[in-house]
């Protein structure tokens, strides 16, 4: 199989690493990739949302399957672009249709879907610029803290949780009237705050059947003890200690099954990953959000724990024979710690040389924001490296990742020193 993987982050490096191990692989191309992905495939200077350029490349290089890493090409309809094109229609895309990708692309769409199919989630209401006054009154009837979500994609920054009513009202006005998040906040979902502990569950589906992948817990805040600004993720662990058989059975029966059935009932074509952002409230799971792709940095602990051939699973998705495929997991725990640029998630500098990447290590080092400069590897983003390790226990896995980080350096490097501590 010739495979084209779209994307350039840590998620894509982890997927590329796993695809490169497949016995079914002929050649792997990553567009645009990063300094890490070039070690396991061939980087291509293609923009994932330039569908015409993707088409040309796919046809010229006899690509057999396209795997979509990030959400933007999915929300913009790359699946539909292939299905509707006579030259491309037989080439499978791993990812949902544009309509189904609205599960991530629109918070309002996702909430309506959940309520329609009886999937447990927080109570909510949606407001626009024209209904700001109603929104302000709605806030007055709620208890703090308040949850405000930009309806559209806002690069992981569109969720605000103000503690006071005054602050919540101010944020609502800024989001709707002043376009705080651009078009993404032309609609705002206000929802009830749920108190509990969060985790992520992932499935792959061919639209008929599904397979549950290893679950994970990520750490979004920049500071230790989950303090400070939200980021794209500072680390992750898998498995999740509190996600026992009883809890996961509830997740499957109350959330996963009705989601897959609901997609089919609503005629939403879905072939790919579904990410369930969940919260455990006194032993019961509720959906906080859906994503139509793998999470990052959760991918960096989930994908390494899959022992099965990932291209065999992707072929099962493409041919709607996923139920016949076998999914096996690594029993050991995995932990990933993100090294980020100084100043992230606010202003930060790029172009810093990274040292220590060739030091022998037991860990996997996935590149998130890097670029090659001749033989040197430079920082090229806020989140730079994801250091993933296995261990007989979570404690051992975490310790190995921190030991590896001691040999990695770049100017201004920062990482959290408490990944996994809250559940160990």
Protein backbone atom coordinates (compact mmCIF):
# COMPACT_ATOMS: atom_id res chain seq x y z
CA UNK A 1 0.00 0.00 0.00
CA UNK A 2 1.12 3.53 -0.80
CA UNK A 3 -0.12 5.76 2.03
CA UNK A 4 -0.53 9.53 2.24
CA UNK A 5 -0.80 10.87 5.79
CA UNK A 6 -1.93 14.49 6.15
CA UNK A 7 -0.63 16.67 9.00
CA UNK A 8 2.52 17.90 10.70
CA UNK A 9 2.22 17.44 14.48
CA UNK A 10 3.01 14.94 17.21
CA UNK A 11 -0.17 13.04 16.39
CA UNK A 12 0.99 12.60 12.80
CA UNK A 13 4.51 11.52 13.80
CA UNK A 14 3.00 8.85 16.08
CA UNK A 15 0.67 7.67 13.29
CA UNK A 16 3.53 7.71 10.76
CA UNK A 17 5.74 5.70 13.13
CA UNK A 18 3.01 3.09 13.53
CA UNK A 19 2.14 2.95 9.80
CA UNK A 20 5.86 2.52 8.98
CA UNK A 21 5.84 -0.77 10.94
CA UNK A 22 3.03 -2.29 8.86
CA UNK A 23 3.78 -5.36 6.75
CA UNK A 24 1.25 -3.98 4.23
CA UNK A 25 3.19 -0.74 3.60
CA UNK A 26 4.96 -0.04 0.31
CA UNK A 27 5.66 3.69 0.68
CA UNK A 28 4.57 6.33 3.21
CA UNK A 29 4.27 10.04 2.38
CA UNK A 30 3.54 12.68 5.04
CA UNK A 31 2.19 16.09 4.03
CA UNK A 32 3.74 18.35 5.16
CA UNK A 33 5.28 16.36 8.05
CA UNK A 34 8.08 17.56 10.33
CA UNK A 35 11.72 16.76 11.16
CA UNK A 36 10.62 13.57 12.95
CA UNK A 37 8.32 12.14 10.29
CA UNK A 38 11.13 12.18 7.69
CA UNK A 39 12.75 9.35 9.70
CA UNK A 40 9.82 7.00 8.95
CA UNK A 41 8.55 8.20 5.56
CA UNK A 42 8.92 10.88 2.92
CA UNK A 43 7.81 14.43 3.71
CA UNK A 44 5.91 16.26 0.97
CA UNK A 45 5.42 20.05 0.75
CA UNK A 46 1.62 19.90 0.51
CA UNK A 47 -1.00 21.85 2.44
CA UNK A 48 -3.64 19.38 3.77
CA UNK A 49 -6.48 21.81 2.94
CA UNK A 50 -5.34 22.33 -0.69
CA UNK A 51 -7.52 19.52 -2.02
CA UNK A 52 -6.58 20.04 -5.68
CA UNK A 53 -2.86 19.72 -4.84
CA UNK A 54 -3.63 16.62 -2.74
CA UNK A 55 -5.53 15.14 -5.71
CA UNK A 56 -2.62 15.70 -8.09
CA UNK A 57 -0.17 14.09 -5.67
CA UNK A 58 -2.46 11.11 -4.95
CA UNK A 59 -2.88 10.32 -8.65
CA UNK A 60 0.78 10.87 -9.59
CA UNK A 61 2.03 8.64 -6.75
CA UNK A 62 -0.54 5.83 -6.95
CA UNK A 63 -1.74 6.42 -3.39
CA UNK A 64 -3.95 3.58 -2.11
CA UNK A 65 -5.26 5.21 1.07
CA UNK A 66 -5.31 8.71 2.60
CA UNK A 67 -5.13 9.06 6.39
CA UNK A 68 -6.20 12.46 7.74
CA UNK A 69 -4.53 13.56 10.98
CA UNK A 70 -5.90 17.05 11.82
CA UNK A 71 -9.51 18.23 11.97
CA UNK A 72 -9.40 21.14 9.51
CA UNK A 73 -9.32 19.12 6.23
CA UNK A 74 -12.15 16.92 7.59
CA UNK A 75 -14.36 19.85 8.60
CA UNK A 76 -13.65 21.42 5.19
CA UNK A 77 -14.79 18.24 3.44
CA UNK A 78 -11.80 16.27 2.11
CA UNK A 79 -13.79 13.01 2.41
CA UNK A 80 -16.59 14.45 0.24
CA UNK A 81 -14.03 15.85 -2.25
CA UNK A 82 -12.72 12.31 -2.85
CA UNK A 83 -16.15 10.64 -2.95
CA UNK A 84 -17.48 13.10 -5.54
CA UNK A 85 -14.42 13.00 -7.82
CA UNK A 86 -14.47 10.34 -10.57
CA UNK A 87 -10.67 9.95 -10.42
CA UNK A 88 -10.52 9.70 -6.61
CA UNK A 89 -13.74 7.98 -5.56
CA UNK A 90 -12.15 4.53 -5.24
CA UNK A 91 -9.31 5.81 -2.99
CA UNK A 92 -10.42 5.56 0.65
CA UNK A 93 -10.04 8.46 3.09
CA UNK A 94 -9.73 7.61 6.78
CA UNK A 95 -11.94 10.30 8.29
CA UNK A 96 -15.61 11.30 8.33
CA UNK A 97 -17.67 13.22 5.80
CA UNK A 98 -18.00 17.01 6.11
CA UNK A 99 -21.49 16.65 7.63
CA UNK A 100 -20.32 14.08 10.20
CA UNK A 101 -17.22 16.16 11.04
CA UNK A 102 -19.61 18.81 12.38
CA UNK A 103 -19.51 16.73 15.57
CA UNK A 104 -16.23 18.58 16.10
CA UNK A 105 -16.76 21.55 13.80
CA UNK A 106 -19.86 22.81 15.65
CA UNK A 107 -20.46 22.52 19.40
CA UNK A 108 -24.15 23.30 18.83
CA UNK A 109 -24.44 20.49 16.23
CA UNK A 110 -22.76 18.05 18.65
CA UNK A 111 -25.06 18.99 21.55
CA UNK A 112 -28.17 18.61 19.37
CA UNK A 113 -26.89 15.21 18.21
CA UNK A 114 -26.34 14.06 21.80
CA UNK A 115 -29.76 15.21 23.00
CA UNK A 116 -31.43 13.64 19.95
CA UNK A 117 -29.81 10.25 20.62
CA UNK A 118 -30.03 10.25 24.43
CA UNK A 119 -26.27 10.51 25.02
CA UNK A 120 -25.41 11.87 28.50
CA UNK A 121 -24.03 15.42 28.37
CA UNK A 122 -24.38 18.71 30.28
CA UNK A 123 -27.52 20.86 29.89
CA UNK A 124 -26.95 23.72 27.45
CA UNK A 125 -28.33 26.56 25.33
CA UNK A 126 -26.90 28.27 22.22
CA UNK A 127 -26.82 32.01 21.55
CA UNK A 128 -25.89 34.37 18.70
CA UNK A 129 -25.14 38.08 18.37
CA UNK A 130 -28.90 38.68 18.00
CA UNK A 131 -29.74 36.84 21.24
CA UNK A 132 -27.06 38.24 23.57
CA UNK A 133 -29.67 39.57 26.02
CA UNK A 134 -31.24 36.11 26.31
CA UNK A 135 -27.77 34.69 26.84
CA UNK A 136 -27.05 37.12 29.68
CA UNK A 137 -30.36 36.17 31.33
CA UNK A 138 -29.56 32.47 30.86
CA UNK A 139 -26.26 32.98 32.71
CA UNK A 140 -28.15 34.62 35.60
CA UNK A 141 -30.11 31.41 36.10
CA UNK A 142 -27.00 29.25 36.36
CA UNK A 143 -24.59 28.43 39.17
CA UNK A 144 -20.87 29.21 38.86
CA UNK A 145 -18.49 28.31 37.37
CA UNK A 146 -19.85 29.00 33.89
CA UNK A 147 -18.85 27.15 30.71
CA UNK A 148 -18.78 29.16 27.45
CA UNK A 149 -17.80 27.42 24.22
CA UNK A 150 -17.19 28.98 20.81
CA UNK A 151 -19.32 26.97 18.41
CA UNK A 152 -16.65 26.54 15.71
CA UNK A 153 -13.00 25.51 15.58
CA UNK A 154 -10.82 27.85 17.63
CA UNK A 155 -7.50 25.97 17.71
CA UNK A 156 -8.27 24.53 21.13
CA UNK A 157 -8.71 27.97 22.70
CA UNK A 158 -12.49 28.43 22.35
CA UNK A 159 -13.61 27.13 25.77
CA UNK A 160 -13.77 29.54 28.70
CA UNK A 161 -14.72 28.72 32.31
CA UNK A 162 -15.27 32.01 34.21
CA UNK A 163 -15.80 31.79 37.99
CA UNK A 164 -18.03 34.86 38.42
CA UNK A 165 -21.26 35.99 36.75
CA UNK A 166 -19.77 39.38 35.83
CA UNK A 167 -16.80 37.75 34.13
CA UNK A 168 -19.07 35.26 32.31
CA UNK A 169 -21.27 38.09 30.98
CA UNK A 170 -18.21 40.07 29.86
CA UNK A 171 -16.79 37.03 28.03
CA UNK A 172 -20.13 36.27 26.34
CA UNK A 173 -20.33 39.83 24.98
CA UNK A 174 -16.70 39.69 23.79
CA UNK A 175 -17.27 36.34 22.06
CA UNK A 176 -20.50 37.28 20.29
CA UNK A 177 -20.42 41.05 19.78
CA UNK A 178 -16.65 41.53 19.46
CA UNK A 179 -15.80 38.23 17.70
CA UNK A 180 -13.19 37.25 20.30
CA UNK A 181 -12.58 33.98 18.42
CA UNK A 182 -13.50 35.27 14.96
CA UNK A 183 -16.16 33.32 13.08
CA UNK A 184 -15.77 30.45 15.56
CA UNK A 185 -17.68 32.46 18.19
CA UNK A 186 -20.51 33.71 15.94
CA UNK A 187 -22.47 31.19 18.03
CA UNK A 188 -21.71 30.42 21.68
CA UNK A 189 -22.83 27.36 23.62
CA UNK A 190 -23.35 27.97 27.34
CA UNK A 191 -23.50 24.78 29.36
CA UNK A 192 -23.79 23.51 32.89
CA UNK A 193 -20.44 22.94 34.62
CA UNK A 194 -19.87 19.28 35.47
CA UNK A 195 -17.56 18.48 38.37
CA UNK A 196 -15.49 15.35 37.95
CA UNK A 197 -12.33 13.96 36.39
CA UNK A 198 -11.78 14.03 32.63
CA UNK A 199 -10.47 11.38 30.26
CA UNK A 200 -10.48 10.54 26.56
CA UNK A 201 -11.89 7.44 24.84
CA UNK A 202 -11.18 6.60 21.20
CA UNK A 203 -12.86 4.29 18.72
CA UNK A 204 -12.39 3.49 15.07
CA UNK A 205 -15.54 2.86 13.07
CA UNK A 206 -16.44 1.84 9.52
CA UNK A 207 -19.93 3.29 9.97
CA UNK A 208 -21.38 -0.09 10.92
CA UNK A 209 -19.15 -1.62 13.59
CA UNK A 210 -16.47 -0.15 15.86
CA UNK A 211 -13.39 -1.10 17.86
CA UNK A 212 -12.50 0.59 21.14
CA UNK A 213 -8.86 1.72 21.36
CA UNK A 214 -6.88 2.25 24.58
CA UNK A 215 -8.23 5.16 26.65
CA UNK A 216 -6.07 8.08 27.82
CA UNK A 217 -5.99 11.10 30.10
CA UNK A 218 -4.30 14.29 28.98
CA UNK A 219 -3.12 17.37 30.87
CA UNK A 220 -4.23 20.64 29.30
CA UNK A 221 -2.98 23.34 31.67
CA UNK A 222 0.47 24.86 31.29
CA UNK A 223 1.29 24.77 35.01
CA UNK A 224 1.80 21.98 37.51
CA UNK A 225 -1.21 21.06 39.61
CA UNK A 226 -3.37 21.91 36.57
CA UNK A 227 -2.88 25.65 37.01
CA UNK A 228 -2.59 28.41 34.42
CA UNK A 229 -3.65 28.74 30.80
CA UNK A 230 -5.06 25.95 28.66
CA UNK A 231 -2.70 24.49 26.06
CA UNK A 232 -3.01 21.92 23.31
CA UNK A 233 -1.86 19.38 25.91
CA UNK A 234 1.23 19.02 28.13
CA UNK A 235 1.26 15.24 28.43
CA UNK A 236 -0.88 12.13 28.60
CA UNK A 237 -1.12 8.68 30.20
CA UNK A 238 -2.72 5.37 29.20
CA UNK A 239 -4.42 3.33 30.57
CA UNK A 240 -6.46 5.50 32.97
CA UNK A 241 -6.52 3.95 36.48
CA UNK A 242 -10.10 5.01 37.35
CA UNK A 243 -11.53 3.71 34.04
CA UNK A 244 -12.31 0.25 35.38
CA UNK A 245 -14.46 -2.40 33.65
CA UNK A 246 -17.69 -1.08 35.23
CA UNK A 247 -17.06 2.49 34.09
CA UNK A 248 -15.96 1.45 30.58
CA UNK A 249 -19.06 -0.73 30.24
CA UNK A 250 -21.18 2.38 30.91
CA UNK A 251 -19.13 4.31 28.35
CA UNK A 252 -19.77 1.67 25.71
CA UNK A 253 -23.49 1.15 26.35
CA UNK A 254 -24.49 4.77 27.12
CA UNK A 255 -22.14 6.68 24.79
CA UNK A 256 -20.27 4.69 22.12
CA UNK A 257 -23.12 2.48 20.88
CA UNK A 258 -25.71 5.29 20.68
CA UNK A 259 -23.15 7.52 18.90
CA UNK A 260 -22.37 4.96 16.18
CA UNK A 261 -26.09 4.08 15.84
CA UNK A 262 -26.97 7.80 15.77
CA UNK A 263 -24.50 8.54 12.98
CA UNK A 264 -26.06 5.78 10.89
CA UNK A 265 -29.63 6.85 11.72
CA UNK A 266 -28.82 10.46 10.71
CA UNK A 267 -27.19 9.27 7.45
CA UNK A 268 -23.84 10.74 8.47
CA UNK A 269 -21.06 8.91 6.62
CA UNK A 270 -18.35 8.15 9.16
CA UNK A 271 -15.22 6.08 8.50
CA UNK A 272 -12.41 6.87 10.90
CA UNK A 273 -11.57 7.86 14.46
CA UNK A 274 -14.08 9.19 16.98
CA UNK A 275 -12.65 10.91 20.05
CA UNK A 276 -14.94 11.13 23.08
CA UNK A 277 -13.88 13.79 25.59
CA UNK A 278 -15.52 12.44 28.74
CA UNK A 279 -15.94 13.42 32.37
CA UNK A 280 -16.46 10.92 35.16
CA UNK A 281 -19.10 12.40 37.49
CA UNK A 282 -19.44 10.15 40.55
CA UNK A 283 -18.91 7.02 38.44
CA UNK A 284 -21.12 8.07 35.51
CA UNK A 285 -19.68 9.18 32.13
CA UNK A 286 -20.82 12.37 30.36
CA UNK A 287 -19.63 13.66 26.97
CA UNK A 288 -17.89 17.04 27.09
CA UNK A 289 -16.95 17.04 23.41
CA UNK A 290 -16.47 14.97 20.30
CA UNK A 291 -13.46 15.21 18.00
CA UNK A 292 -13.47 13.66 14.54
CA UNK A 293 -9.80 12.64 14.76
CA UNK A 294 -7.31 11.43 17.35
CA UNK A 295 -6.38 13.80 20.17
CA UNK A 296 -2.90 15.20 20.65
CA UNK A 297 -0.93 14.34 22.86
CA UNK A 298 -3.18 11.32 23.58
CA UNK A 299 -2.24 9.79 20.20
CA UNK A 300 1.34 9.53 21.45
CA UNK A 301 0.28 7.10 24.21
CA UNK A 302 -2.68 5.39 22.50
CA UNK A 303 -1.11 4.47 19.14
CA UNK A 304 2.05 2.90 20.69
CA UNK A 305 -0.24 0.68 22.83
CA UNK A 306 -1.93 -0.82 19.73
CA UNK A 307 -0.14 -4.07 18.85
CA UNK A 308 -2.21 -4.80 15.72
CA UNK A 309 -1.16 -3.77 12.20
CA UNK A 310 -2.73 -0.33 11.81
CA UNK A 311 -3.00 -0.57 8.02
CA UNK A 312 -5.00 -3.79 8.43
CA UNK A 313 -7.40 -1.82 10.66
CA UNK A 314 -7.55 1.07 8.16
CA UNK A 315 -8.31 -1.39 5.36
CA UNK A 316 -11.13 -2.77 7.54
CA UNK A 317 -12.53 0.76 7.92
CA UNK A 318 -12.26 1.43 4.18
CA UNK A 319 -13.98 -1.81 3.14
CA UNK A 320 -16.53 -1.89 5.98
CA UNK A 321 -15.04 -5.16 7.28
CA UNK A 322 -13.73 -3.75 10.56
CA UNK A 323 -15.75 -6.29 12.57
CA UNK A 324 -13.56 -9.04 11.08
CA UNK A 325 -10.29 -7.38 12.20
CA UNK A 326 -8.48 -8.07 15.44
CA UNK A 327 -7.33 -5.30 17.78
CA UNK A 328 -4.70 -6.21 20.37
CA UNK A 329 -3.23 -3.91 22.99
CA UNK A 330 0.08 -3.58 24.77
CA UNK A 331 -0.57 -4.41 28.45
CA UNK A 332 2.11 -2.04 29.73
CA UNK A 333 1.36 1.55 30.69
CA UNK A 334 2.47 4.47 28.52
CA UNK A 335 3.21 8.07 29.50
CA UNK A 336 4.10 11.03 27.32
CA UNK A 337 5.52 14.37 28.48
CA UNK A 338 5.49 17.41 26.17
CA UNK A 339 8.49 19.70 25.91
CA UNK A 340 7.28 23.15 24.86
CA UNK A 341 8.79 26.50 23.85
CA UNK A 342 9.30 29.08 26.57
CA UNK A 343 6.30 31.44 26.76
CA UNK A 344 3.83 28.94 25.25
CA UNK A 345 0.77 29.06 25.04
CA UNK A 346 1.29 32.81 24.66
CA UNK A 347 4.10 34.45 22.64
CA UNK A 348 7.12 32.20 22.11
CA UNK A 349 10.19 32.07 19.87
CA UNK A 350 10.91 29.39 17.27
CA UNK A 351 14.08 28.41 15.43
CA UNK A 352 15.98 27.11 18.48
CA UNK A 353 18.28 24.15 17.85
CA UNK A 354 17.35 20.93 19.66
CA UNK A 355 20.18 18.90 21.19
CA UNK A 356 20.25 15.30 22.43
CA UNK A 357 17.93 13.68 19.87
CA UNK A 358 20.58 11.08 18.99
CA UNK A 359 21.27 10.06 22.60
CA UNK A 360 20.34 6.37 23.09
CA UNK A 361 17.02 6.05 24.92
CA UNK A 362 14.28 3.53 25.73
CA UNK A 363 11.69 6.23 25.01
CA UNK A 364 9.92 7.16 21.77
CA UNK A 365 10.49 10.80 20.84
CA UNK A 366 7.65 12.15 18.70
CA UNK A 367 8.18 15.52 17.03
CA UNK A 368 5.27 17.96 17.40
CA UNK A 369 6.69 21.32 16.28
CA UNK A 370 10.06 20.82 14.57
CA UNK A 371 11.72 21.47 11.22
CA UNK A 372 14.95 20.30 9.66
CA UNK A 373 17.74 22.76 8.92
CA UNK A 374 20.31 20.59 7.15
CA UNK A 375 21.40 18.00 9.72
CA UNK A 376 20.14 20.18 12.60
CA UNK A 377 16.62 19.95 14.06
CA UNK A 378 15.02 23.26 15.08
CA UNK A 379 11.93 24.17 17.07
CA UNK A 380 8.99 25.26 14.89
CA UNK A 381 6.01 25.52 17.22
CA UNK A 382 4.73 25.94 20.76
CA UNK A 383 4.66 22.24 21.52
CA UNK A 384 7.96 20.79 20.32
CA UNK A 385 8.55 17.17 21.43
CA UNK A 386 6.43 14.42 22.99
CA UNK A 387 8.54 11.93 24.95
CA UNK A 388 6.68 8.62 25.35
CA UNK A 389 7.77 5.63 27.43
CA UNK A 390 6.38 2.23 28.39
CA UNK A 391 6.48 0.77 31.89
CA UNK A 392 5.17 -2.21 33.85
CA UNK A 393 3.40 0.47 35.90
CA UNK A 394 2.44 4.06 35.18
CA UNK A 395 5.08 5.22 37.67
CA UNK A 396 7.84 3.43 35.74
CA UNK A 397 6.62 4.83 32.38
CA UNK A 398 6.53 8.41 33.71
CA UNK A 399 9.96 8.07 35.30
CA UNK A 400 11.48 6.83 32.01
CA UNK A 401 10.08 9.81 30.08
CA UNK A 402 11.53 12.28 32.58
CA UNK A 403 14.88 10.48 32.47
CA UNK A 404 14.96 10.85 28.66
CA UNK A 405 14.02 14.57 28.89
CA UNK A 406 17.15 15.19 30.98
CA UNK A 407 19.20 14.51 27.82
CA UNK A 408 17.12 16.76 25.54
CA UNK A 409 17.52 20.51 25.41
CA UNK A 410 16.73 23.65 23.47
CA UNK A 411 16.74 27.29 24.55
CA UNK A 412 13.70 28.12 26.71
CA UNK A 413 12.48 24.50 26.96
CA UNK A 414 9.71 23.89 29.52
CA UNK A 415 7.77 20.82 30.63
CA UNK A 416 5.44 19.88 33.46
CA UNK A 417 7.00 17.68 36.14
CA UNK A 418 3.72 16.24 37.48
CA UNK A 419 2.23 14.29 34.54
CA UNK A 420 0.25 11.34 35.92
CA UNK A 421 0.74 12.32 39.55
CA UNK A 422 -2.97 12.94 40.17
CA UNK A 423 -3.93 9.32 39.38
CA UNK A 424 -0.88 7.40 40.54
